[in-house]
Amino acid sequence: MEDLKMGKRSLEELFNNDKNRHNNSNNNNNNNNNNNNNNNNNKNTHCQAGDDLMDIDNNEPSSSITSTSTTVIPTRRGSLLTLLSRESPFANEEGALPIGEFECISTSPPPPTTAPNHTALSKFKVLVVGAGGLGCEILKDLAMSGITNVHCIDLDTIDVTNLNRQFLFRQKDVGSSKAKTAANFINERCPWMNVVAHHGMIQDKPPSFYASFNVILSGLDNVEARRWLNATIVGLVDVDEDGDPIDPSQIIPIIDGGTEGFSGQARLILPRITSCFECSLDAFPPQRNFPLCTIAETPRRPEHCIAYASILQWPKEFPDKKLDKDSPDDMKWIYERALERANQYNITGVTYMLTMGVVKNIIPAVASTNAIVSAVCVSEAVKVLTYLSQSLNTYMMYMGSEGIYSHTFVYEKKEDCPVCTMAVRKITCTKSTTLNELIQQLCESDLRLKAPSMTTSTKTLYMQKPPPLEQATRPNLDRPVSTLIEAGEEISVTDPVLQSTNLALSITFA
């Protein structure tokens, strides 16, 4: 990464001047109360009393925080300046990688008088994926950390149920874009910030969009979206025949955060270096589904009643209208029908919040857990951008249901991970196994593929898209795999969740 230095005034000078300013202010406090009151009234109302100001531009500090020629960032009494000004044993290391996993630029230690962490944080470009409970906290922490150039992407709109914990939103914002509303709130409250909003799906952005950032912070609550993002960023890194990165500048750190109730986790993913999100997919249970016969005939749980109302009753009542999971009216209808069915079978426990959880697959959220995990995520972002301390290696878990407990450990790479390794996965099937059965096996296995397509070095076995190619290869689905390929022949599998990464299969017949 480019070594971005401070301008005319070093951080030490700013820190010392700030201390002197506070000391002089305290000494003259009794004699200058009126002047101080006038000065305080002229301060920007968005800055809290007692905040220090850090000028990170080449120009002299401006007297107004809204100056267009100078970026002024509030820091808490110089604490960030102290961290960024101290010497770092990681200053000579190349790339934002954990200690012991990369080589130094120089074997000689830096001079003891240097302070290599004089980095203008505002020059870095950071992407926040998700503007929900965790995303709001991350944006707030970034605003207080000195990272000013931020982009935020989210498809969701604001629901009234978000207002109890997603503090960047207000009642008047219900129905508006989360990304745009959060960006506007941060920009207005913190004039030094430049938050750019993107309302839409992360899948709609090209790889070049993600390649333009220095670090990506993920606050997604959807496993499939996290898989897609992980595969996209890992796919940006070119590797040699041994699977090692060719160009370290292509490595974009991903800091992934997640919460559920009083538990949470944060992890640092360095594509092709550390384990990736796909390596830990086994830790996430598959999305819960209910047998249709149970839902229709023998409901035993409140979830069965809710699923019956949303899956079976809604299409019958409104055949031309798709259920809007973000519509309070639609969700109220589902809740009332589910409650009626529950009463018929003497089932208790159907509530509006449970209805929301079943229909939208909502993960329980606690504001304090979001705050803790987001603080870890932003701290890691500052560390990988400035090298002011060793980065997380690689996983932090937090549990707060029975006290406060956290633990860090190295999440090992999965040897046959389809995203970050080049291993060939071996599969054994019978000679009568059809291609369609093999595809189902891949979807139901630990790979959890969604719509796999298969090719060999000489022919196409089956392609999901485009439609003409799918139609041309569809007859192969009913043919035994043994008639399509030779034993041991390698098959290349692509899938939307793997993005540009190809999964290599080697088939043997029992």
Protein backbone atom coordinates (compact mmCIF):
# COMPACT_ATOMS: atom_id res chain seq x y z
CA MET A 1 0.00 0.00 0.00
CA GLU A 2 1.07 3.52 -0.65
CA ASP A 3 2.89 5.04 2.31
CA LEU A 4 0.86 8.19 2.88
CA LYS A 5 2.66 10.69 5.09
CA MET A 6 1.37 13.63 7.06
CA GLY A 7 1.74 17.17 5.74
CA LYS A 8 3.70 20.08 7.24
CA ARG A 9 2.79 19.29 10.81
CA SER A 10 3.60 15.92 12.29
CA LEU A 11 1.24 14.11 14.59
CA GLU A 12 3.60 14.75 17.52
CA GLU A 13 3.38 18.48 16.92
CA LEU A 14 -0.38 18.36 16.72
CA PHE A 15 -0.61 16.27 19.87
CA ASN A 16 1.75 18.58 21.82
CA ASN A 17 -0.06 21.67 20.60
CA ASP A 18 -3.38 20.13 21.61
CA LYS A 19 -2.06 19.45 25.11
CA ASN A 20 -0.70 22.98 25.39
CA ARG A 21 -3.97 24.36 24.15
CA HIS A 22 -5.88 22.51 26.84
CA ASN A 23 -3.40 23.50 29.54
CA ASN A 24 -3.54 27.16 28.56
CA SER A 25 -7.30 26.98 28.43
CA ASN A 26 -7.45 25.55 31.94
CA ASN A 27 -5.01 28.13 33.36
CA ASN A 28 -6.94 31.03 31.91
CA ASN A 29 -10.36 29.60 32.55
CA ASN A 30 -11.29 31.88 35.45
CA ASN A 31 -10.21 35.05 33.61
CA ASN A 32 -11.73 34.22 30.25
CA ASN A 33 -15.10 32.63 30.96
CA ASN A 34 -16.98 35.03 28.73
CA ASN A 35 -14.54 34.59 25.85
CA ASN A 36 -14.66 30.83 26.19
CA ASN A 37 -18.45 30.85 26.11
CA ASN A 38 -18.42 32.90 22.93
CA ASN A 39 -15.89 30.58 21.34
CA ASN A 40 -17.90 27.52 22.32
CA ASN A 41 -21.01 28.97 20.74
CA ASN A 42 -19.12 29.35 17.46
CA LYS A 43 -18.02 25.72 17.41
CA ASN A 44 -19.75 23.30 15.11
CA THR A 45 -22.65 21.79 17.04
CA HIS A 46 -21.83 18.33 15.73
CA CYS A 47 -18.55 18.16 17.73
CA GLN A 48 -18.88 17.23 21.35
CA ALA A 49 -17.25 19.34 24.04
CA GLY A 50 -13.73 18.28 24.87
CA ASP A 51 -12.95 16.73 21.48
CA ASP A 52 -9.49 17.35 20.11
CA LEU A 53 -9.11 18.26 16.47
CA MET A 54 -6.60 16.59 14.19
CA ASP A 55 -5.70 18.29 10.92
CA ILE A 56 -4.62 15.73 8.36
CA ASP A 57 -4.21 18.06 5.41
CA ASN A 58 -1.05 19.77 4.21
CA ASN A 59 -2.55 23.14 5.09
CA GLU A 60 -2.63 24.74 8.52
CA PRO A 61 -5.62 23.84 10.71
CA SER A 62 -8.73 25.81 9.94
CA SER A 63 -10.68 27.60 12.62
CA SER A 64 -13.88 26.12 11.25
CA ILE A 65 -14.54 22.42 11.13
CA THR A 66 -16.58 22.86 7.97
CA SER A 67 -13.64 24.29 6.03
CA THR A 68 -13.43 22.90 2.50
CA SER A 69 -9.61 23.21 2.31
CA THR A 70 -8.86 21.19 5.41
CA THR A 71 -10.14 17.92 6.75
CA VAL A 72 -10.47 18.13 10.51
CA ILE A 73 -11.23 14.98 12.45
CA PRO A 74 -12.23 14.83 16.11
CA THR A 75 -10.23 12.44 18.27
CA ARG A 76 -10.69 11.67 21.93
CA ARG A 77 -8.00 13.69 23.74
CA GLY A 78 -5.19 12.58 21.47
CA SER A 79 -5.57 8.84 22.00
CA LEU A 80 -5.55 8.10 18.28
CA LEU A 81 -2.61 10.46 17.81
CA THR A 82 -0.69 8.62 20.50
CA LEU A 83 -1.28 5.26 18.84
CA LEU A 84 -0.39 6.50 15.38
CA SER A 85 2.71 8.37 16.61
CA ARG A 86 4.40 5.51 18.44
CA GLU A 87 7.04 3.35 16.86
CA SER A 88 5.79 0.13 15.34
CA PRO A 89 7.68 -3.15 14.95
CA PHE A 90 5.47 -3.81 11.93
CA ALA A 91 6.42 -0.69 9.98
CA ASN A 92 8.88 -2.40 7.66
CA GLU A 93 6.63 -5.27 6.80
CA GLU A 94 5.16 -5.51 3.33
CA GLY A 95 1.40 -5.88 3.03
CA ALA A 96 -1.37 -6.00 5.62
CA LEU A 97 -0.63 -9.55 6.74
CA PRO A 98 -0.28 -11.23 10.16
CA ILE A 99 3.15 -11.57 11.67
CA GLY A 100 5.08 -14.63 10.55
CA GLU A 101 3.21 -14.96 7.28
CA PHE A 102 5.18 -12.56 5.08
CA GLU A 103 8.66 -11.18 4.61
CA CYS A 104 10.09 -7.79 5.56
CA ILE A 105 11.18 -5.24 2.99
CA SER A 106 14.45 -4.72 4.84
CA THR A 107 16.29 -6.86 7.36
CA SER A 108 17.58 -3.81 9.22
CA PRO A 109 15.32 -2.38 11.97
CA PRO A 110 13.94 1.13 11.56
CA PRO A 111 15.78 3.95 13.36
CA PRO A 112 14.51 4.37 16.92
CA THR A 113 13.52 7.97 16.28
CA THR A 114 11.16 7.25 13.43
CA ALA A 115 7.42 7.13 13.80
CA PRO A 116 6.33 5.20 10.68
CA ASN A 117 2.62 5.26 11.47
CA HIS A 118 2.14 8.88 10.41
CA THR A 119 -0.52 7.83 7.96
CA ALA A 120 -3.28 10.05 6.66
CA LEU A 121 -6.23 7.76 7.32
CA SER A 122 -8.48 9.95 5.24
CA LYS A 123 -6.64 8.92 2.09
CA PHE A 124 -7.73 5.29 2.34
CA LYS A 125 -10.91 4.07 0.70
CA VAL A 126 -13.07 1.74 2.80
CA LEU A 127 -16.23 -0.19 1.88
CA VAL A 128 -18.90 -1.05 4.44
CA VAL A 129 -21.20 -3.84 3.24
CA GLY A 130 -24.52 -3.66 5.06
CA ALA A 131 -26.14 -0.71 6.82
CA GLY A 132 -28.21 -2.58 9.39
CA GLY A 133 -27.57 -3.09 13.09
CA LEU A 134 -23.88 -3.89 12.68
CA GLY A 135 -23.38 -1.54 9.73
CA CYS A 136 -24.70 1.49 11.65
CA GLU A 137 -22.24 0.82 14.45
CA ILE A 138 -19.36 0.35 11.99
CA LEU A 139 -20.14 3.65 10.25
CA LYS A 140 -20.23 5.45 13.60
CA ASP A 141 -16.89 3.93 14.66
CA LEU A 142 -15.28 4.81 11.33
CA ALA A 143 -16.40 8.42 11.75
CA MET A 144 -14.60 8.53 15.10
CA SER A 145 -11.45 6.75 13.87
CA GLY A 146 -10.13 9.15 11.25
CA ILE A 147 -11.14 7.05 8.23
CA THR A 148 -13.16 9.54 6.22
CA ASN A 149 -13.47 8.12 2.68
CA VAL A 150 -16.19 5.49 3.09
CA HIS A 151 -18.62 3.78 0.75
CA CYS A 152 -21.67 1.89 2.00
CA ILE A 153 -23.81 -0.60 0.08
CA ASP A 154 -27.12 -2.15 1.14
CA LEU A 155 -30.27 -3.26 -0.65
CA ASP A 156 -32.68 -3.06 2.29
CA THR A 157 -35.10 -0.31 3.22
CA ILE A 158 -35.83 0.85 6.76
CA ASP A 159 -38.56 -0.93 8.72
CA VAL A 160 -40.11 0.39 11.90
CA THR A 161 -38.68 -2.62 13.78
CA ASN A 162 -35.16 -1.38 12.97
CA LEU A 163 -35.50 1.83 14.97
CA ASN A 164 -34.83 0.32 18.40
CA ARG A 165 -31.16 -0.43 17.62
CA GLN A 166 -30.22 1.03 14.22
CA PHE A 167 -29.65 4.49 15.63
CA LEU A 168 -28.88 6.30 12.37
CA PHE A 169 -32.55 6.03 11.40
CA ARG A 170 -35.65 7.90 12.58
CA GLN A 171 -39.41 7.43 12.26
CA LYS A 172 -39.52 9.68 9.21
CA ASP A 173 -37.00 7.41 7.45
CA VAL A 174 -39.22 4.30 7.44
CA GLY A 175 -39.39 3.00 3.89
CA SER A 176 -36.21 4.79 2.78
CA SER A 177 -32.95 3.22 1.67
CA LYS A 178 -30.77 2.16 4.58
CA ALA A 179 -27.53 2.95 2.76
CA LYS A 180 -28.62 6.42 1.63
CA THR A 181 -30.16 7.36 4.97
CA ALA A 182 -27.14 6.18 6.94
CA ALA A 183 -24.77 8.02 4.62
CA ASN A 184 -26.75 11.25 4.86
CA PHE A 185 -26.92 11.03 8.65
CA ILE A 186 -23.17 10.50 9.03
CA ASN A 187 -22.27 13.22 6.51
CA GLU A 188 -24.54 15.77 8.20
CA ARG A 189 -23.54 14.89 11.74
CA CYS A 190 -19.82 14.56 10.95
CA PRO A 191 -18.83 17.14 8.30
CA TRP A 192 -15.34 15.68 7.95
CA MET A 193 -16.85 12.43 6.62
CA ASN A 194 -17.48 11.58 2.98
CA VAL A 195 -19.81 8.57 2.94
CA VAL A 196 -21.04 7.49 -0.51
CA ALA A 197 -24.18 5.35 -0.56
CA HIS A 198 -24.99 2.53 -2.97
CA HIS A 199 -28.56 1.25 -2.82
CA GLY A 200 -28.69 -2.13 -4.48
CA MET A 201 -27.50 -5.71 -4.45
CA ILE A 202 -23.83 -6.45 -3.90
CA GLN A 203 -24.05 -8.91 -6.79
CA ASP A 204 -24.85 -6.05 -9.18
CA LYS A 205 -21.43 -4.46 -8.70
CA PRO A 206 -18.56 -5.59 -10.97
CA PRO A 207 -15.32 -6.98 -9.51
CA SER A 208 -13.57 -3.71 -10.41
CA PHE A 209 -15.80 -1.92 -7.90
CA TYR A 210 -14.54 -4.04 -5.01
CA ALA A 211 -10.96 -3.93 -6.28
CA SER A 212 -10.91 -0.14 -5.78
CA PHE A 213 -11.00 -0.36 -1.95
CA ASN A 214 -8.18 -0.72 0.57
CA VAL A 215 -10.23 -2.74 3.03
CA ILE A 216 -13.78 -4.12 3.17
CA LEU A 217 -15.85 -4.35 6.36
CA SER A 218 -18.75 -6.77 6.15
CA GLY A 219 -21.81 -6.37 8.36
CA LEU A 220 -24.05 -8.78 6.47
CA ASP A 221 -26.65 -10.94 8.22
CA ASN A 222 -27.01 -13.38 5.33
CA VAL A 223 -24.69 -16.37 4.94
CA GLU A 224 -25.17 -16.63 1.18
CA ALA A 225 -24.33 -12.96 0.66
CA ARG A 226 -21.20 -13.38 2.78
CA ARG A 227 -20.19 -16.39 0.69
CA TRP A 228 -20.63 -14.38 -2.49
CA LEU A 229 -18.61 -11.44 -1.20
CA ASN A 230 -15.85 -13.74 0.06
CA ALA A 231 -15.59 -15.58 -3.27
CA THR A 232 -15.54 -12.29 -5.20
CA ILE A 233 -12.68 -10.76 -3.21
CA VAL A 234 -10.65 -13.98 -3.16
CA GLY A 235 -11.13 -14.26 -6.91
CA LEU A 236 -9.43 -10.88 -7.41
CA VAL A 237 -6.07 -12.35 -6.37
CA ASP A 238 -4.06 -14.06 -9.10
CA VAL A 239 -2.09 -17.10 -7.93
CA ASP A 240 0.77 -19.19 -9.27
CA GLU A 241 0.71 -22.94 -9.81
CA ASP A 242 1.24 -23.49 -6.07
CA GLY A 243 -1.73 -21.31 -5.13
CA ASP A 244 0.38 -18.44 -3.78
CA PRO A 245 -0.50 -14.80 -4.60
CA ILE A 246 1.45 -13.35 -7.50
CA ASP A 247 0.74 -9.67 -6.81
CA PRO A 248 0.33 -8.75 -3.10
CA SER A 249 -1.35 -5.47 -4.07
CA GLN A 250 -4.38 -7.49 -5.18
CA ILE A 251 -4.96 -8.68 -1.61
CA ILE A 252 -7.86 -6.70 -0.14
CA PRO A 253 -8.45 -7.51 3.53
CA ILE A 254 -12.00 -8.47 4.48
CA ILE A 255 -13.06 -7.87 8.06
CA ASP A 256 -16.19 -9.93 8.61
CA GLY A 257 -18.43 -9.33 11.61
CA GLY A 258 -21.52 -11.18 12.73
CA THR A 259 -23.81 -11.20 15.75
CA GLU A 260 -26.63 -13.35 17.06
CA GLY A 261 -28.22 -12.38 20.34
CA PHE A 262 -25.51 -12.02 22.97
CA SER A 263 -22.89 -13.79 20.85
CA GLY A 264 -20.73 -12.38 18.10
CA GLN A 265 -17.60 -12.87 16.05
CA ALA A 266 -15.11 -10.87 14.05
CA ARG A 267 -12.48 -12.24 11.73
CA LEU A 268 -9.76 -10.99 9.44
CA ILE A 269 -9.66 -12.62 6.01
CA LEU A 270 -6.59 -12.07 3.86
CA PRO A 271 -7.47 -13.65 0.50
CA ARG A 272 -5.25 -16.60 -0.45
CA ILE A 273 -3.24 -16.13 2.77
CA THR A 274 -5.53 -16.93 5.69
CA SER A 275 -8.65 -19.05 5.84
CA CYS A 276 -11.64 -17.55 4.05
CA PHE A 277 -15.33 -17.50 4.91
CA GLU A 278 -15.98 -20.62 2.84
CA CYS A 279 -13.48 -22.52 5.01
CA SER A 280 -15.81 -22.05 7.99
CA LEU A 281 -19.09 -22.76 6.22
CA ASP A 282 -19.58 -25.90 8.33
CA ALA A 283 -19.94 -23.66 11.40
CA PHE A 284 -23.16 -22.20 10.00
CA PRO A 285 -26.18 -24.53 10.05
CA PRO A 286 -28.13 -24.79 6.80
CA GLN A 287 -31.23 -22.64 6.52
CA ARG A 288 -34.10 -24.33 8.29
CA ASN A 289 -36.81 -25.83 6.08
CA PHE A 290 -40.02 -27.63 7.04
CA PRO A 291 -41.49 -30.63 5.19
CA LEU A 292 -44.51 -29.49 3.22
CA CYS A 293 -46.59 -32.44 4.44
CA THR A 294 -45.94 -31.44 8.05
CA ILE A 295 -46.89 -27.84 7.37
CA ALA A 296 -50.12 -28.80 5.60
CA GLU A 297 -51.30 -31.80 7.61
CA THR A 298 -49.74 -32.10 11.06
CA PRO A 299 -48.42 -28.79 12.37
CA ARG A 300 -46.79 -29.16 15.79
CA ARG A 301 -44.91 -25.91 16.27
CA PRO A 302 -45.77 -22.21 15.86
CA GLU A 303 -43.22 -22.05 13.03
CA HIS A 304 -45.27 -24.61 11.09
CA CYS A 305 -48.35 -22.38 11.30
CA ILE A 306 -46.41 -19.34 10.11
CA ALA A 307 -44.88 -21.27 7.21
CA TYR A 308 -48.35 -22.54 6.26
CA ALA A 309 -49.73 -18.99 6.11
CA SER A 310 -46.83 -17.64 4.05
CA ILE A 311 -46.20 -20.60 1.72
CA LEU A 312 -49.69 -22.04 1.16
CA GLN A 313 -52.36 -19.53 2.20
CA TRP A 314 -50.88 -16.36 0.69
CA PRO A 315 -50.62 -17.70 -2.90
CA LYS A 316 -54.23 -18.91 -2.70
CA GLU A 317 -55.57 -15.60 -1.41
CA PHE A 318 -53.35 -13.35 -3.56
CA PRO A 319 -52.30 -15.34 -6.65
CA ASP A 320 -51.21 -12.22 -8.55
CA LYS A 321 -49.35 -10.53 -5.69
CA LYS A 322 -45.95 -11.46 -4.33
CA LEU A 323 -45.55 -11.41 -0.55
CA ASP A 324 -43.64 -8.28 0.47
CA LYS A 325 -41.64 -9.26 3.54
CA ASP A 326 -40.91 -5.59 4.27
CA SER A 327 -44.58 -4.58 4.19
CA PRO A 328 -46.19 -4.22 7.66
CA ASP A 329 -49.61 -4.92 6.15
CA ASP A 330 -48.49 -8.14 4.48
CA MET A 331 -46.70 -9.34 7.59
CA LYS A 332 -49.74 -8.52 9.74
CA TRP A 333 -51.90 -10.66 7.43
CA ILE A 334 -49.47 -13.59 7.75
CA TYR A 335 -49.41 -13.22 11.53
CA GLU A 336 -53.21 -13.20 11.81
CA ARG A 337 -53.64 -16.27 9.56
CA ALA A 338 -50.88 -18.11 11.43
CA LEU A 339 -52.52 -17.30 14.76
CA GLU A 340 -55.86 -18.64 13.49
CA ARG A 341 -54.26 -21.90 12.39
CA ALA A 342 -52.37 -22.22 15.67
CA ASN A 343 -55.63 -21.87 17.59
CA GLN A 344 -57.18 -24.65 15.50
CA TYR A 345 -54.43 -27.07 16.59
CA ASN A 346 -54.05 -25.72 20.15
CA ILE A 347 -50.54 -24.48 19.41
CA THR A 348 -49.22 -21.54 21.43
CA GLY A 349 -46.33 -19.19 20.81
CA VAL A 350 -47.27 -17.44 17.56
CA THR A 351 -46.20 -13.81 17.90
CA TYR A 352 -45.63 -11.01 15.43
CA MET A 353 -41.88 -11.01 16.09
CA LEU A 354 -41.70 -14.78 15.57
CA THR A 355 -43.64 -14.36 12.34
CA MET A 356 -41.07 -11.82 11.15
CA GLY A 357 -38.27 -14.16 12.15
CA VAL A 358 -39.65 -17.19 10.30
CA VAL A 359 -40.68 -15.35 7.13
CA LYS A 360 -37.59 -13.16 6.88
CA ASN A 361 -35.19 -15.59 8.57
CA ILE A 362 -34.28 -12.84 11.03
CA ILE A 363 -31.29 -13.32 13.30
CA PRO A 364 -31.90 -11.99 16.85
CA ALA A 365 -30.00 -8.75 17.43
CA VAL A 366 -28.80 -7.05 20.61
CA ALA A 367 -27.50 -3.49 20.33
CA SER A 368 -24.64 -3.97 22.81
CA THR A 369 -23.34 -7.02 20.94
CA ASN A 370 -23.36 -5.04 17.69
CA ALA A 371 -21.39 -2.28 19.39
CA ILE A 372 -18.73 -4.67 20.70
CA VAL A 373 -18.23 -6.53 17.41
CA SER A 374 -18.19 -3.34 15.32
CA ALA A 375 -15.52 -1.85 17.59
CA VAL A 376 -13.32 -4.90 16.98
CA CYS A 377 -13.93 -4.70 13.22
CA VAL A 378 -13.00 -1.03 12.95
CA SER A 379 -9.97 -1.51 15.22
CA GLU A 380 -8.75 -4.20 12.85
CA ALA A 381 -9.34 -1.93 9.87
CA VAL A 382 -7.19 0.79 11.43
CA LYS A 383 -4.48 -1.76 12.21
CA VAL A 384 -4.26 -3.26 8.72
CA LEU A 385 -4.20 0.21 7.16
CA THR A 386 -1.58 1.78 9.45
CA TYR A 387 0.40 -1.19 10.87
CA LEU A 388 0.12 0.41 14.32
CA SER A 389 -0.23 -3.06 15.86
CA GLN A 390 -0.35 -6.72 14.92
CA SER A 391 -3.54 -7.68 13.16
CA LEU A 392 -5.99 -10.29 14.39
CA ASN A 393 -4.88 -13.80 13.52
CA THR A 394 -7.54 -14.66 12.61
CA TYR A 395 -10.82 -15.12 14.52
CA MET A 396 -12.36 -13.51 17.61
CA MET A 397 -15.45 -14.90 19.28
CA TYR A 398 -17.51 -13.07 21.89
CA MET A 399 -20.09 -14.58 24.25
CA GLY A 400 -22.08 -12.35 26.57
CA SER A 401 -25.11 -14.39 27.59
CA GLU A 402 -23.64 -15.42 30.95
CA GLY A 403 -21.07 -12.73 31.66
CA ILE A 404 -18.42 -11.42 29.30
CA TYR A 405 -16.07 -13.81 27.55
CA SER A 406 -14.00 -13.47 24.40
CA HIS A 407 -11.46 -15.73 22.78
CA THR A 408 -9.16 -15.46 19.77
CA PHE A 409 -7.75 -18.32 17.74
CA VAL A 410 -6.40 -19.16 14.30
CA TYR A 411 -9.10 -20.51 12.01
CA GLU A 412 -7.20 -22.96 9.85
CA LYS A 413 -7.62 -23.12 6.10
CA LYS A 414 -9.72 -25.99 4.82
CA GLU A 415 -7.54 -28.18 2.67
CA ASP A 416 -10.23 -28.73 0.04
CA CYS A 417 -11.90 -25.31 0.26
CA PRO A 418 -13.44 -24.66 -3.16
CA VAL A 419 -12.70 -20.92 -2.96
CA CYS A 420 -9.22 -20.30 -1.54
CA THR A 421 -7.38 -23.52 -2.39
CA MET A 422 -6.61 -25.30 -5.64
CA ALA A 423 -7.25 -28.79 -4.30
CA VAL A 424 -9.11 -31.32 -6.41
CA ARG A 425 -12.06 -32.78 -4.53
CA LYS A 426 -12.51 -36.53 -4.99
CA ILE A 427 -16.03 -37.99 -5.20
CA THR A 428 -17.06 -41.62 -5.46
CA CYS A 429 -20.36 -42.64 -7.07
CA THR A 430 -21.86 -45.69 -8.67
CA LYS A 431 -21.82 -46.30 -12.38
CA SER A 432 -25.59 -45.85 -12.46
CA THR A 433 -25.52 -42.41 -10.81
CA THR A 434 -26.99 -39.87 -13.18
CA LEU A 435 -25.62 -36.41 -13.76
CA ASN A 436 -28.72 -34.92 -12.12
CA GLU A 437 -28.13 -37.04 -9.00
CA LEU A 438 -24.51 -35.88 -8.87
CA ILE A 439 -25.66 -32.26 -9.05
CA GLN A 440 -28.12 -32.84 -6.21
CA GLN A 441 -25.34 -34.45 -4.19
CA LEU A 442 -23.18 -31.34 -4.60
CA CYS A 443 -26.06 -29.09 -3.54
CA GLU A 444 -26.81 -31.14 -0.43
CA SER A 445 -23.21 -31.77 0.63
CA ASP A 446 -20.99 -29.49 2.69
CA LEU A 447 -20.40 -27.48 -0.50
CA ARG A 448 -24.01 -26.18 -0.47
CA LEU A 449 -23.94 -25.23 -4.13
CA LYS A 450 -27.00 -23.50 -5.62
CA ALA A 451 -26.95 -23.95 -9.40
CA PRO A 452 -23.82 -25.84 -10.47
CA SER A 453 -22.70 -26.11 -14.07
CA MET A 454 -20.21 -28.75 -15.21
CA THR A 455 -17.63 -28.95 -17.97
CA THR A 456 -14.58 -31.05 -18.79
CA SER A 457 -11.55 -30.11 -20.82
CA THR A 458 -13.22 -31.45 -23.94
CA LYS A 459 -16.99 -30.96 -23.56
CA THR A 460 -19.82 -29.30 -21.69
CA LEU A 461 -21.81 -31.63 -19.44
CA TYR A 462 -24.47 -29.23 -18.21
CA MET A 463 -24.87 -25.45 -18.08
CA GLN A 464 -27.52 -23.63 -16.06
CA LYS A 465 -27.30 -20.51 -18.23
CA PRO A 466 -27.89 -19.16 -20.84
CA PRO A 467 -31.25 -20.81 -21.64
CA PRO A 468 -30.26 -22.08 -25.13
CA LEU A 469 -27.19 -23.83 -23.68
CA GLU A 470 -29.20 -25.21 -20.76
CA GLN A 471 -31.73 -26.65 -23.18
CA ALA A 472 -29.00 -28.19 -25.33
CA THR A 473 -27.29 -29.90 -22.37
CA ARG A 474 -30.46 -30.89 -20.48
CA PRO A 475 -30.59 -34.44 -21.95
CA ASN A 476 -27.33 -35.21 -20.13
CA LEU A 477 -29.08 -34.88 -16.76
CA ASP A 478 -30.73 -38.30 -17.10
CA ARG A 479 -27.61 -40.03 -18.38
CA PRO A 480 -25.25 -41.92 -16.04
CA VAL A 481 -22.10 -40.00 -15.28
CA SER A 482 -20.06 -43.07 -16.25
CA THR A 483 -21.26 -42.67 -19.85
CA LEU A 484 -20.25 -39.02 -19.98
CA ILE A 485 -16.71 -39.10 -18.56
CA GLU A 486 -13.90 -41.54 -17.89
CA ALA A 487 -13.03 -42.61 -14.36
CA GLY A 488 -10.60 -40.12 -12.82
CA GLU A 489 -11.35 -37.47 -15.42
CA GLU A 490 -11.45 -33.99 -13.92
CA ILE A 491 -14.68 -31.99 -13.97
CA SER A 492 -14.75 -28.20 -13.58
CA VAL A 493 -17.75 -26.93 -11.59
CA THR A 494 -18.95 -23.34 -11.50
CA ASP A 495 -21.67 -21.96 -9.27
CA PRO A 496 -23.03 -18.50 -8.38
CA VAL A 497 -21.80 -18.80 -4.77
CA LEU A 498 -18.26 -19.54 -5.99
CA GLN A 499 -18.20 -16.58 -8.36
CA SER A 500 -15.13 -16.74 -10.65
CA THR A 501 -13.64 -19.69 -8.75
CA ASN A 502 -13.88 -23.13 -10.33
CA LEU A 503 -14.28 -26.27 -8.25
CA ALA A 504 -12.28 -29.23 -9.55
CA LEU A 505 -13.83 -32.70 -9.10
CA SER A 506 -12.28 -36.09 -9.70
CA ILE A 507 -14.90 -38.83 -10.09
CA THR A 508 -14.28 -42.49 -9.33
CA PHE A 509 -16.87 -45.21 -9.82
CA ALA A 510 -17.56 -47.87 -7.19
